[in-house]
Amino acid sequence: MSERKFVVACAAAVALAGCSNMNASQNATAQGAGIGAAAGALLGAITAGGNTGSSALQGAALGAAVGAAGGYLWNRHLEEQKQQMQRATAGTGVQVAQTADNRLRIGVPSDAGFATDSAQINPRLYPILDQLAQGLRANPGETVQVLGFTDNTGSDAINYPLSSNRAQSVKNFLVSRGVAAQRIEVQGLGPTQPVASNATAAGRAMNRRVEIYIAQPRAG
């Protein structure tokens, strides 16, 4: 196999496969990087002239960097929202960060968000969601994804609806604060994608969570 075909094949494999132990955000980033690498490698090989291997590799690296952005734009507004949310969540256990694919991630652990086996939002989360809604109203082009998770205790028949209901509760709150419902996607993922071991109480508490992703899609 030529160097050009090898680079393209490897990049495409990464894009299509992802990793089973990645969370939703990491998988999206990895697949975006793989797709970008494949496209970059192909472009580099096509335009290389005689030095196909080197140009293909350089194209793959550039394509991976662009593809990892996942079609999202990190701008001044998102940076300001991140800083505002970090101030609003200080000392609460809620985590705020920029993801590798340029989304704003807000991770809400179980003790900050919901009681065990409940989809009712903890009142301590109200000020945080109020701040989030304020930022979303000021930036109507942003989209929102809310993912709900549980630990692995109990049955799927309980866990999946519970995780979905928790995500829906967050959406309902934001909508009640003036955020358009069509901007918000919700999904309940039950016990999938754990971030800690379910063998301990502390680990299970970490896995019972809600993740909120705010994104500014790039113009098509």
Protein backbone atom coordinates (compact mmCIF):
# COMPACT_ATOMS: atom_id res chain seq x y z
CA MET A 1 0.00 0.00 0.00
CA SER A 2 1.29 3.45 -0.89
CA GLU A 3 1.93 6.07 1.80
CA ARG A 4 -0.96 8.10 0.52
CA LYS A 5 -3.43 5.21 0.73
CA PHE A 6 -2.09 4.20 4.12
CA VAL A 7 -2.58 7.64 5.68
CA VAL A 8 -6.07 8.03 4.25
CA ALA A 9 -7.11 4.55 5.34
CA CYS A 10 -5.86 5.04 8.89
CA ALA A 11 -7.53 8.41 9.27
CA ALA A 12 -10.81 7.07 7.92
CA ALA A 13 -10.67 4.15 10.34
CA VAL A 14 -10.26 6.52 13.27
CA ALA A 15 -13.15 8.65 12.07
CA LEU A 16 -15.52 5.72 11.68
CA ALA A 17 -14.59 3.70 14.74
CA GLY A 18 -14.26 6.16 17.63
CA CYS A 19 -13.58 4.52 20.98
CA SER A 20 -16.07 2.66 23.12
CA ASN A 21 -14.65 4.13 26.33
CA MET A 22 -14.99 7.76 25.19
CA ASN A 23 -17.83 9.96 26.35
CA ALA A 24 -20.17 11.68 23.89
CA SER A 25 -18.06 14.80 23.54
CA GLN A 26 -14.79 12.90 23.15
CA ASN A 27 -16.26 10.62 20.49
CA ALA A 28 -17.52 13.56 18.47
CA THR A 29 -14.11 15.20 18.66
CA ALA A 30 -12.23 12.02 17.73
CA GLN A 31 -14.47 11.30 14.78
CA GLY A 32 -14.22 14.90 13.59
CA ALA A 33 -10.46 14.72 13.82
CA GLY A 34 -10.39 11.45 11.90
CA ILE A 35 -12.60 12.75 9.13
CA GLY A 36 -10.52 15.92 8.91
CA ALA A 37 -7.33 13.89 8.82
CA ALA A 38 -8.63 11.74 5.99
CA ALA A 39 -9.66 14.75 3.94
CA GLY A 40 -6.41 16.57 4.69
CA ALA A 41 -4.29 13.56 3.80
CA LEU A 42 -6.10 13.09 0.52
CA LEU A 43 -5.76 16.76 -0.39
CA GLY A 44 -2.10 16.76 0.55
CA ALA A 45 -1.42 13.67 -1.52
CA ILE A 46 -3.26 15.00 -4.53
CA THR A 47 -1.38 18.31 -4.54
CA ALA A 48 2.00 16.88 -3.53
CA GLY A 49 3.64 16.25 -6.83
CA GLY A 50 6.52 13.85 -6.17
CA ASN A 51 6.61 13.97 -2.37
CA THR A 52 3.25 12.33 -1.65
CA GLY A 53 4.09 10.80 1.73
CA SER A 54 5.25 14.00 3.38
CA SER A 55 2.44 16.13 2.00
CA ALA A 56 -0.17 13.54 2.90
CA LEU A 57 1.05 13.46 6.48
CA GLN A 58 1.11 17.25 6.70
CA GLY A 59 -2.37 17.41 5.22
CA ALA A 60 -3.60 14.82 7.72
CA ALA A 61 -2.26 16.83 10.65
CA LEU A 62 -3.87 20.03 9.43
CA GLY A 63 -7.12 18.28 8.60
CA ALA A 64 -7.26 16.65 12.03
CA ALA A 65 -6.88 20.02 13.73
CA VAL A 66 -9.68 21.51 11.65
CA GLY A 67 -11.89 18.45 11.91
CA ALA A 68 -11.58 18.30 15.69
CA ALA A 69 -13.40 21.62 15.89
CA GLY A 70 -16.51 19.64 15.01
CA GLY A 71 -18.11 22.47 13.08
CA TYR A 72 -18.30 24.70 16.17
CA LEU A 73 -16.92 28.17 16.69
CA TRP A 74 -15.41 29.37 19.98
CA ASN A 75 -15.94 33.11 20.09
CA ARG A 76 -15.86 36.00 22.54
CA HIS A 77 -19.44 35.38 23.60
CA LEU A 78 -18.75 31.77 24.57
CA GLU A 79 -15.62 32.77 26.45
CA GLU A 80 -17.64 35.35 28.37
CA GLN A 81 -20.34 32.77 29.08
CA LYS A 82 -17.71 30.35 30.35
CA GLN A 83 -16.35 32.94 32.76
CA GLN A 84 -19.84 33.90 33.91
CA MET A 85 -20.77 30.27 34.49
CA GLN A 86 -17.53 29.61 36.37
CA ARG A 87 -18.38 32.45 38.72
CA ALA A 88 -21.96 31.24 39.11
CA THR A 89 -20.88 27.66 39.89
CA ALA A 90 -17.95 28.40 42.22
CA GLY A 91 -18.08 26.08 45.22
CA THR A 92 -21.07 24.07 43.93
CA GLY A 93 -19.27 21.09 42.40
CA VAL A 94 -20.61 21.97 38.95
CA GLN A 95 -17.81 21.88 36.38
CA VAL A 96 -17.51 24.40 33.54
CA ALA A 97 -15.01 24.01 30.70
CA GLN A 98 -14.35 24.43 26.99
CA THR A 99 -14.35 21.10 25.18
CA ALA A 100 -11.86 20.06 22.50
CA ASP A 101 -14.54 20.56 19.85
CA ASN A 102 -15.22 24.15 20.97
CA ARG A 103 -18.36 23.69 23.02
CA LEU A 104 -19.05 24.99 26.50
CA ARG A 105 -19.58 22.01 28.81
CA ILE A 106 -21.41 22.28 32.13
CA GLY A 107 -21.20 19.09 34.18
CA VAL A 108 -23.78 18.78 36.95
CA PRO A 109 -23.06 16.02 39.50
CA SER A 110 -25.89 14.24 41.28
CA ASP A 111 -25.57 16.04 44.61
CA ALA A 112 -25.78 19.44 42.91
CA GLY A 113 -28.61 18.60 40.54
CA PHE A 114 -31.03 15.89 41.56
CA ALA A 115 -31.93 13.69 44.51
CA THR A 116 -31.58 9.91 44.12
CA ASP A 117 -34.26 8.43 41.85
CA SER A 118 -35.70 11.89 41.20
CA ALA A 119 -35.95 14.12 38.14
CA GLN A 120 -36.86 17.17 40.20
CA ILE A 121 -34.17 19.85 40.01
CA ASN A 122 -32.44 20.71 43.26
CA PRO A 123 -33.26 24.36 44.10
CA ARG A 124 -29.51 24.94 44.55
CA LEU A 125 -29.21 24.55 40.79
CA TYR A 126 -31.72 27.32 40.01
CA PRO A 127 -29.25 30.25 40.11
CA ILE A 128 -26.86 28.35 37.85
CA LEU A 129 -29.54 27.58 35.29
CA ASP A 130 -30.80 31.15 35.53
CA GLN A 131 -27.33 32.39 34.61
CA LEU A 132 -27.16 29.89 31.77
CA ALA A 133 -30.55 31.00 30.44
CA GLN A 134 -29.45 34.62 30.56
CA GLY A 135 -26.41 33.84 28.40
CA LEU A 136 -28.48 31.82 25.94
CA ARG A 137 -31.05 34.58 25.54
CA ALA A 138 -28.25 37.02 24.76
CA ASN A 139 -26.81 34.68 22.10
CA PRO A 140 -29.74 33.25 20.10
CA GLY A 141 -27.51 31.51 17.56
CA GLU A 142 -26.21 29.03 20.14
CA THR A 143 -27.60 25.51 20.42
CA VAL A 144 -27.96 23.40 23.56
CA GLN A 145 -27.60 19.68 24.16
CA VAL A 146 -28.58 18.19 27.54
CA LEU A 147 -27.50 14.63 28.31
CA GLY A 148 -28.74 12.70 31.34
CA PHE A 149 -26.90 9.76 32.92
CA THR A 150 -27.43 7.30 35.79
CA ASP A 151 -25.26 4.75 37.55
CA ASN A 152 -25.71 1.04 36.78
CA THR A 153 -27.89 0.15 39.76
CA GLY A 154 -31.46 -0.72 38.92
CA SER A 155 -32.84 -1.81 35.58
CA ASP A 156 -32.63 -0.16 32.19
CA ALA A 157 -36.41 0.21 32.34
CA ILE A 158 -35.87 2.63 35.24
CA ASN A 159 -32.52 4.20 34.37
CA TYR A 160 -33.17 5.32 30.80
CA PRO A 161 -36.46 7.11 31.52
CA LEU A 162 -34.93 8.66 34.68
CA SER A 163 -31.92 10.00 32.78
CA SER A 164 -34.18 11.33 30.03
CA ASN A 165 -36.52 12.96 32.53
CA ARG A 166 -33.60 14.71 34.25
CA ALA A 167 -32.40 16.12 30.93
CA GLN A 168 -35.97 17.15 30.12
CA SER A 169 -36.28 18.92 33.49
CA VAL A 170 -33.25 21.05 32.62
CA LYS A 171 -34.77 21.86 29.23
CA ASN A 172 -38.11 22.77 30.82
CA PHE A 173 -36.38 25.12 33.25
CA LEU A 174 -34.47 26.89 30.49
CA VAL A 175 -37.62 27.19 28.39
CA SER A 176 -39.45 28.67 31.39
CA ARG A 177 -36.71 31.32 31.47
CA GLY A 178 -37.26 32.35 27.87
CA VAL A 179 -34.97 30.02 25.88
CA ALA A 180 -36.66 28.71 22.71
CA ALA A 181 -37.47 25.01 23.04
CA GLN A 182 -36.30 24.21 19.51
CA ARG A 183 -32.76 25.23 20.45
CA ILE A 184 -32.50 22.50 23.09
CA GLU A 185 -31.90 18.81 22.36
CA VAL A 186 -32.27 16.31 25.20
CA GLN A 187 -31.17 12.70 25.47
CA GLY A 188 -31.22 10.15 28.28
CA LEU A 189 -28.25 7.79 28.12
CA GLY A 190 -28.89 5.81 31.30
CA PRO A 191 -25.83 4.01 32.70
CA THR A 192 -23.75 4.31 29.51
CA GLN A 193 -20.50 6.28 29.37
CA PRO A 194 -19.60 6.14 33.08
CA VAL A 195 -16.92 8.60 34.22
CA ALA A 196 -16.01 6.55 37.32
CA SER A 197 -16.27 3.00 38.62
CA ASN A 198 -19.75 1.84 39.57
CA ALA A 199 -18.15 -0.45 42.17
CA THR A 200 -18.10 2.29 44.81
CA ALA A 201 -20.72 4.70 46.16
CA ALA A 202 -18.49 7.66 45.27
CA GLY A 203 -18.09 6.41 41.72
CA ARG A 204 -21.80 5.83 41.27
CA ALA A 205 -22.50 9.36 42.50
CA MET A 206 -20.14 10.72 39.83
CA ASN A 207 -21.93 8.72 37.14
CA ARG A 208 -25.35 10.09 38.14
CA ARG A 209 -25.03 13.39 36.33
CA VAL A 210 -26.30 15.79 33.70
CA GLU A 211 -24.03 17.28 31.04
CA ILE A 212 -25.02 20.47 29.23
CA TYR A 213 -23.26 21.48 26.01
CA ILE A 214 -23.55 24.96 24.53
CA ALA A 215 -22.36 25.39 20.94
CA GLN A 216 -22.08 28.07 18.28
CA PRO A 217 -22.32 26.25 14.93
CA ARG A 218 -20.05 27.54 12.20
CA ALA A 219 -21.76 29.16 9.24
CA GLY A 220 -22.29 26.62 6.50
